[in-house]
Amino acid sequence: EQLLPVYSTDQPEVHEIVLKMRQVLDSYTNRLLIGEIYLPIHQ
């Protein structure tokens, strides 16, 4: 926590990866995708 991980985490492109994961789940019936994310609520 000596540094703010603004470049090593939470990059905009991560949402493209999450979308691809979600598309895999959506190709099956009624499956759930949970994300572990320690970020302020607005992020």
All heavy atoms as atom14 arrays in JSON, in Angstrom:
{
  "sequence": "EQLLPVYSTDQPEVHEIVLKMRQVLDSYTNRLLIGEIYLPIHQ",
  "atom14_mask": [
    [1, 1, 1, 1, 1, 1, 1, 1, 1, 0, 0, 0, 0, 0],
    [1, 1, 1, 1, 1, 1, 1, 1, 1, 0, 0, 0, 0, 0],
    [1, 1, 1, 1, 1, 1, 1, 1, 0, 0, 0, 0, 0, 0],
    [1, 1, 1, 1, 1, 1, 1, 1, 0, 0, 0, 0, 0, 0],
    [1, 1, 1, 1, 1, 1, 1, 0, 0, 0, 0, 0, 0, 0],
    [1, 1, 1, 1, 1, 1, 1, 0, 0, 0, 0, 0, 0, 0],
    [1, 1, 1, 1, 1, 1, 1, 1, 1, 1, 1, 1, 0, 0],
    [1, 1, 1, 1, 1, 1, 0, 0, 0, 0, 0, 0, 0, 0],
    [1, 1, 1, 1, 1, 1, 1, 0, 0, 0, 0, 0, 0, 0],
    [1, 1, 1, 1, 1, 1, 1, 1, 0, 0, 0, 0, 0, 0],
    [1, 1, 1, 1, 1, 1, 1, 1, 1, 0, 0, 0, 0, 0],
    [1, 1, 1, 1, 1, 1, 1, 0, 0, 0, 0, 0, 0, 0],
    [1, 1, 1, 1, 1, 1, 1, 1, 1, 0, 0, 0, 0, 0],
    [1, 1, 1, 1, 1, 1, 1, 0, 0, 0, 0, 0, 0, 0],
    [1, 1, 1, 1, 1, 1, 1, 1, 1, 1, 0, 0, 0, 0],
    [1, 1, 1, 1, 1, 1, 1, 1, 1, 0, 0, 0, 0, 0],
    [1, 1, 1, 1, 1, 1, 1, 1, 0, 0, 0, 0, 0, 0],
    [1, 1, 1, 1, 1, 1, 1, 0, 0, 0, 0, 0, 0, 0],
    [1, 1, 1, 1, 1, 1, 1, 1, 0, 0, 0, 0, 0, 0],
    [1, 1, 1, 1, 1, 1, 1, 1, 1, 0, 0, 0, 0, 0],
    [1, 1, 1, 1, 1, 1, 1, 1, 0, 0, 0, 0, 0, 0],
    [1, 1, 1, 1, 1, 1, 1, 1, 1, 1, 1, 0, 0, 0],
    [1, 1, 1, 1, 1, 1, 1, 1, 1, 0, 0, 0, 0, 0],
    [1, 1, 1, 1, 1, 1, 1, 0, 0, 0, 0, 0, 0, 0],
    [1, 1, 1, 1, 1, 1, 1, 1, 0, 0, 0, 0, 0, 0],
    [1, 1, 1, 1, 1, 1, 1, 1, 0, 0, 0, 0, 0, 0],
    [1, 1, 1, 1, 1, 1, 0, 0, 0, 0, 0, 0, 0, 0],
    [1, 1, 1, 1, 1, 1, 1, 1, 1, 1, 1, 1, 0, 0],
    [1, 1, 1, 1, 1, 1, 1, 0, 0, 0, 0, 0, 0, 0],
    [1, 1, 1, 1, 1, 1, 1, 1, 0, 0, 0, 0, 0, 0],
    [1, 1, 1, 1, 1, 1, 1, 1, 1, 1, 1, 0, 0, 0],
    [1, 1, 1, 1, 1, 1, 1, 1, 0, 0, 0, 0, 0, 0],
    [1, 1, 1, 1, 1, 1, 1, 1, 0, 0, 0, 0, 0, 0],
    [1, 1, 1, 1, 1, 1, 1, 1, 0, 0, 0, 0, 0, 0],
    [1, 1, 1, 1, 0, 0, 0, 0, 0, 0, 0, 0, 0, 0],
    [1, 1, 1, 1, 1, 1, 1, 1, 1, 0, 0, 0, 0, 0],
    [1, 1, 1, 1, 1, 1, 1, 1, 0, 0, 0, 0, 0, 0],
    [1, 1, 1, 1, 1, 1, 1, 1, 1, 1, 1, 1, 0, 0],
    [1, 1, 1, 1, 1, 1, 1, 1, 0, 0, 0, 0, 0, 0],
    [1, 1, 1, 1, 1, 1, 1, 0, 0, 0, 0, 0, 0, 0],
    [1, 1, 1, 1, 1, 1, 1, 1, 0, 0, 0, 0, 0, 0],
    [1, 1, 1, 1, 1, 1, 1, 1, 1, 1, 0, 0, 0, 0],
    [1, 1, 1, 1, 1, 1, 1, 1, 1, 0, 0, 0, 0, 0]
  ],
  "atom14_positions": [
    [[0.8, -1.22, 0.0], [0.0, 0.0, 0.0], [0.84, 1.27, 0.0], [0.3, 2.38, 0.05], [-0.97, -0.02, 1.19], [-1.97, -1.15, 1.09], [-3.03, -1.11, 2.18], [-3.76, -0.1, 2.25], [-3.11, -2.08, 2.96], [0.0, 0.0, 0.0], [0.0, 0.0, 0.0], [0.0, 0.0, 0.0], [0.0, 0.0, 0.0], [0.0, 0.0, 0.0]],
    [[2.16, 1.14, -0.08], [3.03, 2.32, -0.2], [2.77, 3.06, -1.51], [3.0, 4.26, -1.62], [4.5, 1.9, -0.13], [4.93, 1.42, 1.26], [6.3, 0.78, 1.24], [6.91, 0.61, 0.18], [6.79, 0.41, 2.42], [0.0, 0.0, 0.0], [0.0, 0.0, 0.0], [0.0, 0.0, 0.0], [0.0, 0.0, 0.0], [0.0, 0.0, 0.0]],
    [[2.29, 2.32, -2.51], [1.99, 2.91, -3.82], [0.5, 2.75, -4.13], [-0.15, 1.82, -3.64], [2.8, 2.22, -4.92], [4.32, 2.2, -4.77], [4.97, 1.42, -5.92], [4.88, 3.63, -4.75], [0.0, 0.0, 0.0], [0.0, 0.0, 0.0], [0.0, 0.0, 0.0], [0.0, 0.0, 0.0], [0.0, 0.0, 0.0], [0.0, 0.0, 0.0]],
    [[-0.03, 3.64, -4.97], [-1.4, 3.49, -5.46], [-1.34, 2.7, -6.77], [-0.7, 3.16, -7.73], [-2.03, 4.87, -5.7], [-2.18, 5.75, -4.46], [-2.65, 7.15, -4.84], [-3.15, 5.11, -3.46], [0.0, 0.0, 0.0], [0.0, 0.0, 0.0], [0.0, 0.0, 0.0], [0.0, 0.0, 0.0], [0.0, 0.0, 0.0], [0.0, 0.0, 0.0]],
    [[-1.98, 1.52, -6.83], [-1.8, 0.63, -8.0], [-2.62, 1.07, -9.22], [-3.38, 0.29, -9.78], [-2.25, -0.72, -7.46], [-3.26, -0.38, -6.41], [-2.81, 0.91, -5.79], [0.0, 0.0, 0.0], [0.0, 0.0, 0.0], [0.0, 0.0, 0.0], [0.0, 0.0, 0.0], [0.0, 0.0, 0.0], [0.0, 0.0, 0.0], [0.0, 0.0, 0.0]],
    [[-2.44, 2.31, -9.61], [-3.28, 2.86, -10.68], [-2.9, 2.34, -12.07], [-3.72, 2.34, -12.98], [-3.27, 4.41, -10.68], [-3.86, 4.95, -9.38], [-1.87, 4.95, -10.88], [0.0, 0.0, 0.0], [0.0, 0.0, 0.0], [0.0, 0.0, 0.0], [0.0, 0.0, 0.0], [0.0, 0.0, 0.0], [0.0, 0.0, 0.0], [0.0, 0.0, 0.0]],
    [[-1.65, 1.87, -12.22], [-1.23, 1.33, -13.52], [-1.13, -0.19, -13.53], [-1.18, -0.81, -14.59], [0.12, 1.93, -13.93], [0.03, 3.41, -14.24], [0.75, 4.34, -13.51], [-0.79, 3.87, -15.28], [0.66, 5.71, -13.79], [-0.89, 5.22, -15.57], [-0.16, 6.14, -14.82], [-0.25, 7.48, -15.1], [0.0, 0.0, 0.0], [0.0, 0.0, 0.0]],
    [[-1.01, -0.79, -12.36], [-0.87, -2.26, -12.31], [-2.21, -2.98, -12.18], [-2.28, -4.2, -12.27], [0.04, -2.66, -11.14], [-0.4, -2.06, -9.94], [0.0, 0.0, 0.0], [0.0, 0.0, 0.0], [0.0, 0.0, 0.0], [0.0, 0.0, 0.0], [0.0, 0.0, 0.0], [0.0, 0.0, 0.0], [0.0, 0.0, 0.0], [0.0, 0.0, 0.0]],
    [[-3.3, -2.22, -11.95], [-4.64, -2.83, -11.82], [-5.7, -1.94, -12.48], [-5.43, -0.79, -12.82], [-5.05, -3.0, -10.33], [-5.19, -1.71, -9.74], [-4.02, -3.8, -9.54], [0.0, 0.0, 0.0], [0.0, 0.0, 0.0], [0.0, 0.0, 0.0], [0.0, 0.0, 0.0], [0.0, 0.0, 0.0], [0.0, 0.0, 0.0], [0.0, 0.0, 0.0]],
    [[-6.91, -2.52, -12.63], [-8.11, -1.78, -13.05], [-7.9, -0.97, -14.33], [-8.29, 0.19, -14.41], [-8.58, -0.87, -11.9], [-9.99, -0.33, -12.14], [-10.81, -1.06, -12.73], [-10.26, 0.82, -11.75], [0.0, 0.0, 0.0], [0.0, 0.0, 0.0], [0.0, 0.0, 0.0], [0.0, 0.0, 0.0], [0.0, 0.0, 0.0], [0.0, 0.0, 0.0]],
    [[-7.3, -1.6, -15.33], [-7.11, -0.93, -16.62], [-8.38, -1.07, -17.47], [-9.11, -2.06, -17.35], [-5.91, -1.53, -17.35], [-4.59, -1.35, -16.6], [-4.28, 0.13, -16.33], [-4.03, 0.9, -17.24], [-4.33, 0.51, -15.06], [0.0, 0.0, 0.0], [0.0, 0.0, 0.0], [0.0, 0.0, 0.0], [0.0, 0.0, 0.0], [0.0, 0.0, 0.0]],
    [[-8.67, -0.08, -18.31], [-9.94, -0.1, -19.07], [-10.15, -1.38, -19.87], [-11.27, -1.89, -19.97], [-9.81, 1.11, -20.01], [-8.78, 2.0, -19.38], [-7.87, 1.12, -18.58], [0.0, 0.0, 0.0], [0.0, 0.0, 0.0], [0.0, 0.0, 0.0], [0.0, 0.0, 0.0], [0.0, 0.0, 0.0], [0.0, 0.0, 0.0], [0.0, 0.0, 0.0]],
    [[-9.06, -1.94, -20.4], [-9.19, -3.12, -21.27], [-9.65, -4.37, -20.52], [-10.06, -5.36, -21.14], [-7.86, -3.44, -21.97], [-7.31, -2.3, -22.81], [-6.31, -1.42, -22.06], [-6.48, -1.22, -20.84], [-5.37, -0.93, -22.71], [0.0, 0.0, 0.0], [0.0, 0.0, 0.0], [0.0, 0.0, 0.0], [0.0, 0.0, 0.0], [0.0, 0.0, 0.0]],
    [[-9.61, -4.33, -19.19], [-10.03, -5.51, -18.42], [-11.49, -5.84, -18.7], [-11.91, -7.01, -18.66], [-9.77, -5.32, -16.91], [-10.78, -4.36, -16.28], [-9.83, -6.67, -16.18], [0.0, 0.0, 0.0], [0.0, 0.0, 0.0], [0.0, 0.0, 0.0], [0.0, 0.0, 0.0], [0.0, 0.0, 0.0], [0.0, 0.0, 0.0], [0.0, 0.0, 0.0]],
    [[-12.28, -4.82, -19.0], [-13.71, -5.05, -19.22], [-13.98, -5.86, -20.49], [-14.98, -6.57, -20.58], [-14.46, -3.72, -19.22], [-14.31, -2.99, -17.9], [-14.89, -3.45, -16.74], [-13.6, -1.88, -17.56], [-14.55, -2.65, -15.74], [-13.78, -1.7, -16.21], [0.0, 0.0, 0.0], [0.0, 0.0, 0.0], [0.0, 0.0, 0.0], [0.0, 0.0, 0.0]],
    [[-13.06, -5.77, -21.45], [-13.19, -6.61, -22.65], [-12.98, -8.08, -22.3], [-13.63, -8.97, -22.85], [-12.17, -6.17, -23.71], [-12.37, -4.75, -24.21], [-11.14, -4.21, -24.96], [-10.36, -5.04, -25.48], [-10.99, -2.98, -25.01], [0.0, 0.0, 0.0], [0.0, 0.0, 0.0], [0.0, 0.0, 0.0], [0.0, 0.0, 0.0], [0.0, 0.0, 0.0]],
    [[-12.07, -8.35, -21.36], [-11.81, -9.72, -20.91], [-13.03, -10.25, -20.14], [-13.47, -11.38, -20.35], [-10.56, -9.77, -20.01], [-9.35, -9.18, -20.73], [-10.3, -11.2, -19.55], [-8.97, -9.89, -22.0], [0.0, 0.0, 0.0], [0.0, 0.0, 0.0], [0.0, 0.0, 0.0], [0.0, 0.0, 0.0], [0.0, 0.0, 0.0], [0.0, 0.0, 0.0]],
    [[-13.57, -9.43, -19.25], [-14.73, -9.85, -18.46], [-15.91, -10.15, -19.39], [-16.64, -11.14, -19.19], [-15.11, -8.77, -17.42], [-16.35, -9.19, -16.64], [-13.94, -8.52, -16.47], [0.0, 0.0, 0.0], [0.0, 0.0, 0.0], [0.0, 0.0, 0.0], [0.0, 0.0, 0.0], [0.0, 0.0, 0.0], [0.0, 0.0, 0.0], [0.0, 0.0, 0.0]],
    [[-16.08, -9.33, -20.43], [-17.14, -9.57, -21.41], [-16.96, -10.93, -22.08], [-17.92, -11.68, -22.26], [-17.13, -8.45, -22.47], [-18.06, -8.65, -23.68], [-19.52, -8.73, -23.25], [-17.87, -7.53, -24.7], [0.0, 0.0, 0.0], [0.0, 0.0, 0.0], [0.0, 0.0, 0.0], [0.0, 0.0, 0.0], [0.0, 0.0, 0.0], [0.0, 0.0, 0.0]],
    [[-15.71, -11.28, -22.44], [-15.47, -12.58, -23.09], [-15.79, -13.73, -22.13], [-16.35, -14.76, -22.54], [-14.01, -12.67, -23.56], [-13.73, -11.77, -24.76], [-12.29, -11.85, -25.22], [-12.1, -10.94, -26.43], [-10.73, -10.98, -26.97], [0.0, 0.0, 0.0], [0.0, 0.0, 0.0], [0.0, 0.0, 0.0], [0.0, 0.0, 0.0], [0.0, 0.0, 0.0]],
    [[-15.45, -13.56, -20.85], [-15.79, -14.58, -19.86], [-17.31, -14.72, -19.76], [-17.85, -15.84, -19.73], [-15.22, -14.21, -18.5], [-13.71, -14.31, -18.41], [-13.16, -13.88, -16.75], [-11.53, -14.67, -16.76], [0.0, 0.0, 0.0], [0.0, 0.0, 0.0], [0.0, 0.0, 0.0], [0.0, 0.0, 0.0], [0.0, 0.0, 0.0], [0.0, 0.0, 0.0]],
    [[-17.98, -13.59, -19.72], [-19.44, -13.59, -19.61], [-20.07, -14.27, -20.83], [-21.05, -15.03, -20.71], [-19.94, -12.16, -19.45], [-21.44, -11.98, -19.5], [-22.18, -12.65, -18.34], [-23.61, -12.39, -18.48], [-24.23, -11.32, -17.99], [-23.55, -10.43, -17.27], [-25.51, -11.15, -18.18], [0.0, 0.0, 0.0], [0.0, 0.0, 0.0], [0.0, 0.0, 0.0]],
    [[-19.5, -14.04, -22.01], [-20.04, -14.66, -23.23], [-19.94, -16.18, -23.17], [-20.83, -16.89, -23.62], [-19.33, -14.1, -24.47], [-19.76, -12.67, -24.78], [-18.87, -11.99, -25.81], [-17.73, -12.4, -26.05], [-19.38, -10.92, -26.42], [0.0, 0.0, 0.0], [0.0, 0.0, 0.0], [0.0, 0.0, 0.0], [0.0, 0.0, 0.0], [0.0, 0.0, 0.0]],
    [[-18.85, -16.67, -22.56], [-18.71, -18.12, -22.39], [-19.82, -18.63, -21.47], [-20.5, -19.62, -21.78], [-17.32, -18.49, -21.83], [-17.28, -19.96, -21.4], [-16.23, -18.21, -22.86], [0.0, 0.0, 0.0], [0.0, 0.0, 0.0], [0.0, 0.0, 0.0], [0.0, 0.0, 0.0], [0.0, 0.0, 0.0], [0.0, 0.0, 0.0], [0.0, 0.0, 0.0]],
    [[-20.03, -17.96, -20.34], [-21.08, -18.39, -19.42], [-22.46, -18.31, -20.06], [-23.3, -19.19, -19.84], [-21.04, -17.57, -18.13], [-20.05, -18.15, -17.12], [-18.78, -17.36, -17.09], [-20.66, -18.25, -15.74], [0.0, 0.0, 0.0], [0.0, 0.0, 0.0], [0.0, 0.0, 0.0], [0.0, 0.0, 0.0], [0.0, 0.0, 0.0], [0.0, 0.0, 0.0]],
    [[-22.68, -17.26, -20.85], [-23.99, -17.08, -21.47], [-24.27, -18.12, -22.56], [-25.42, -18.3, -22.98], [-24.12, -15.67, -22.06], [-24.34, -14.62, -20.98], [-24.56, -15.0, -19.81], [-24.27, -13.41, -21.29], [0.0, 0.0, 0.0], [0.0, 0.0, 0.0], [0.0, 0.0, 0.0], [0.0, 0.0, 0.0], [0.0, 0.0, 0.0], [0.0, 0.0, 0.0]],
    [[-23.23, -18.82, -23.01], [-23.45, -19.88, -24.0], [-23.94, -21.17, -23.32], [-24.26, -22.15, -23.98], [-22.17, -20.15, -24.8], [-21.17, -20.72, -23.98], [0.0, 0.0, 0.0], [0.0, 0.0, 0.0], [0.0, 0.0, 0.0], [0.0, 0.0, 0.0], [0.0, 0.0, 0.0], [0.0, 0.0, 0.0], [0.0, 0.0, 0.0], [0.0, 0.0, 0.0]],
    [[-23.98, -21.15, -21.98], [-24.59, -22.23, -21.19], [-25.85, -21.67, -20.54], [-26.1, -20.48, -20.6], [-23.6, -22.72, -20.12], [-22.37, -23.39, -20.67], [-21.33, -22.64, -21.22], [-22.24, -24.78, -20.66], [-20.19, -23.26, -21.73], [-21.1, -25.4, -21.17], [-20.08, -24.64, -21.71], [-18.96, -25.25, -22.21], [0.0, 0.0, 0.0], [0.0, 0.0, 0.0]],
    [[-26.6, -22.53, -19.89], [-27.88, -22.09, -19.3], [-27.69, -21.67, -17.85], [-27.18, -22.44, -17.04], [-28.92, -23.24, -19.36], [-29.0, -23.68, -20.71], [-30.29, -22.75, -18.89], [0.0, 0.0, 0.0], [0.0, 0.0, 0.0], [0.0, 0.0, 0.0], [0.0, 0.0, 0.0], [0.0, 0.0, 0.0], [0.0, 0.0, 0.0], [0.0, 0.0, 0.0]],
    [[-28.04, -20.41, -17.56], [-28.23, -19.99, -16.17], [-26.98, -20.15, -15.31], [-27.05, -20.7, -14.21], [-29.39, -20.8, -15.59], [-30.24, -19.97, -14.64], [-29.92, -18.81, -14.38], [-31.29, -20.55, -14.12], [0.0, 0.0, 0.0], [0.0, 0.0, 0.0], [0.0, 0.0, 0.0], [0.0, 0.0, 0.0], [0.0, 0.0, 0.0], [0.0, 0.0, 0.0]],
    [[-25.83, -19.68, -15.8], [-24.59, -19.77, -15.03], [-24.22, -18.38, -14.5], [-24.63, -17.35, -15.03], [-23.45, -20.33, -15.88], [-23.79, -21.64, -16.61], [-24.08, -22.82, -15.68], [-24.62, -23.96, -16.4], [-23.9, -24.99, -16.83], [-22.59, -25.03, -16.61], [-24.48, -25.99, -17.47], [0.0, 0.0, 0.0], [0.0, 0.0, 0.0], [0.0, 0.0, 0.0]],
    [[-23.38, -18.38, -13.46], [-23.11, -17.15, -12.69], [-21.63, -16.76, -12.77], [-20.74, -17.61, -12.62], [-23.49, -17.39, -11.22], [-23.07, -16.33, -10.19], [-23.78, -15.0, -10.46], [-23.41, -16.82, -8.78], [0.0, 0.0, 0.0], [0.0, 0.0, 0.0], [0.0, 0.0, 0.0], [0.0, 0.0, 0.0], [0.0, 0.0, 0.0], [0.0, 0.0, 0.0]],
    [[-21.37, -15.46, -12.95], [-20.01, -14.92, -12.95], [-19.88, -13.9, -11.82], [-20.53, -12.86, -11.83], [-19.68, -14.26, -14.3], [-18.25, -13.75, -14.48], [-17.24, -14.91, -14.43], [-18.1, -12.98, -15.8], [0.0, 0.0, 0.0], [0.0, 0.0, 0.0], [0.0, 0.0, 0.0], [0.0, 0.0, 0.0], [0.0, 0.0, 0.0], [0.0, 0.0, 0.0]],
    [[-19.04, -14.24, -10.82], [-18.76, -13.35, -9.7], [-17.34, -12.83, -9.87], [-16.44, -13.59, -10.25], [-18.85, -14.1, -8.35], [-20.24, -14.72, -8.15], [-18.52, -13.17, -7.19], [-20.33, -15.63, -6.93], [0.0, 0.0, 0.0], [0.0, 0.0, 0.0], [0.0, 0.0, 0.0], [0.0, 0.0, 0.0], [0.0, 0.0, 0.0], [0.0, 0.0, 0.0]],
    [[-17.1, -11.57, -9.59], [-15.76, -11.01, -9.67], [-15.26, -10.57, -8.31], [-15.97, -9.86, -7.58], [0.0, 0.0, 0.0], [0.0, 0.0, 0.0], [0.0, 0.0, 0.0], [0.0, 0.0, 0.0], [0.0, 0.0, 0.0], [0.0, 0.0, 0.0], [0.0, 0.0, 0.0], [0.0, 0.0, 0.0], [0.0, 0.0, 0.0], [0.0, 0.0, 0.0]],
    [[-14.04, -11.0, -7.95], [-13.41, -10.46, -6.74], [-12.74, -9.15, -7.12], [-11.8, -9.13, -7.94], [-12.36, -11.42, -6.17], [-11.75, -10.86, -4.89], [-10.38, -11.44, -4.54], [-9.67, -11.93, -5.44], [-10.0, -11.36, -3.35], [0.0, 0.0, 0.0], [0.0, 0.0, 0.0], [0.0, 0.0, 0.0], [0.0, 0.0, 0.0], [0.0, 0.0, 0.0]],
    [[-13.21, -8.06, -6.54], [-12.73, -6.73, -6.91], [-12.71, -5.85, -5.68], [-13.76, -5.54, -5.11], [-13.65, -6.08, -7.99], [-13.75, -6.97, -9.24], [-13.15, -4.69, -8.37], [-15.08, -6.91, -9.93], [0.0, 0.0, 0.0], [0.0, 0.0, 0.0], [0.0, 0.0, 0.0], [0.0, 0.0, 0.0], [0.0, 0.0, 0.0], [0.0, 0.0, 0.0]],
    [[-11.52, -5.47, -5.23], [-11.39, -4.53, -4.11], [-11.15, -3.14, -4.69], [-10.01, -2.75, -4.96], [-10.24, -4.94, -3.2], [-10.55, -6.1, -2.28], [-10.27, -7.41, -2.66], [-11.12, -5.9, -1.03], [-10.55, -8.48, -1.83], [-11.42, -6.97, -0.18], [-11.12, -8.24, -0.59], [-11.4, -9.31, 0.24], [0.0, 0.0, 0.0], [0.0, 0.0, 0.0]],
    [[-12.23, -2.42, -4.95], [-12.15, -1.08, -5.51], [-13.24, -0.21, -4.89], [-14.26, -0.73, -4.43], [-12.35, -1.11, -7.04], [-11.21, -1.64, -7.91], [-11.67, -1.72, -9.35], [-9.97, -0.77, -7.8], [0.0, 0.0, 0.0], [0.0, 0.0, 0.0], [0.0, 0.0, 0.0], [0.0, 0.0, 0.0], [0.0, 0.0, 0.0], [0.0, 0.0, 0.0]],
    [[-13.05, 1.12, -4.91], [-14.15, 2.0, -4.48], [-15.4, 1.73, -5.32], [-15.3, 1.32, -6.49], [-13.59, 3.41, -4.76], [-12.1, 3.25, -4.76], [-11.84, 1.87, -5.3], [0.0, 0.0, 0.0], [0.0, 0.0, 0.0], [0.0, 0.0, 0.0], [0.0, 0.0, 0.0], [0.0, 0.0, 0.0], [0.0, 0.0, 0.0], [0.0, 0.0, 0.0]],
    [[-16.56, 2.0, -4.72], [-17.83, 1.61, -5.34], [-17.99, 2.16, -6.76], [-18.45, 1.47, -7.66], [-19.01, 2.07, -4.46], [-19.04, 1.23, -3.18], [-20.33, 1.95, -5.18], [-19.21, -0.26, -3.41], [0.0, 0.0, 0.0], [0.0, 0.0, 0.0], [0.0, 0.0, 0.0], [0.0, 0.0, 0.0], [0.0, 0.0, 0.0], [0.0, 0.0, 0.0]],
    [[-17.59, 3.42, -6.98], [-17.81, 4.0, -8.31], [-16.98, 3.29, -9.38], [-17.34, 3.28, -10.56], [-17.54, 5.51, -8.31], [-16.12, 5.88, -8.04], [-15.59, 5.91, -6.76], [-15.1, 6.23, -8.87], [-14.32, 6.26, -6.83], [-14.0, 6.46, -8.08], [0.0, 0.0, 0.0], [0.0, 0.0, 0.0], [0.0, 0.0, 0.0], [0.0, 0.0, 0.0]],
    [[-15.85, 2.67, -8.98], [-15.07, 1.87, -9.93], [-15.59, 0.44, -9.99], [-15.6, -0.18, -11.05], [-13.59, 1.86, -9.52], [-12.87, 3.19, -9.73], [-11.53, 3.23, -9.01], [-11.43, 3.65, -7.86], [-10.49, 2.77, -9.68], [0.0, 0.0, 0.0], [0.0, 0.0, 0.0], [0.0, 0.0, 0.0], [0.0, 0.0, 0.0], [0.0, 0.0, 0.0]]
  ]
}
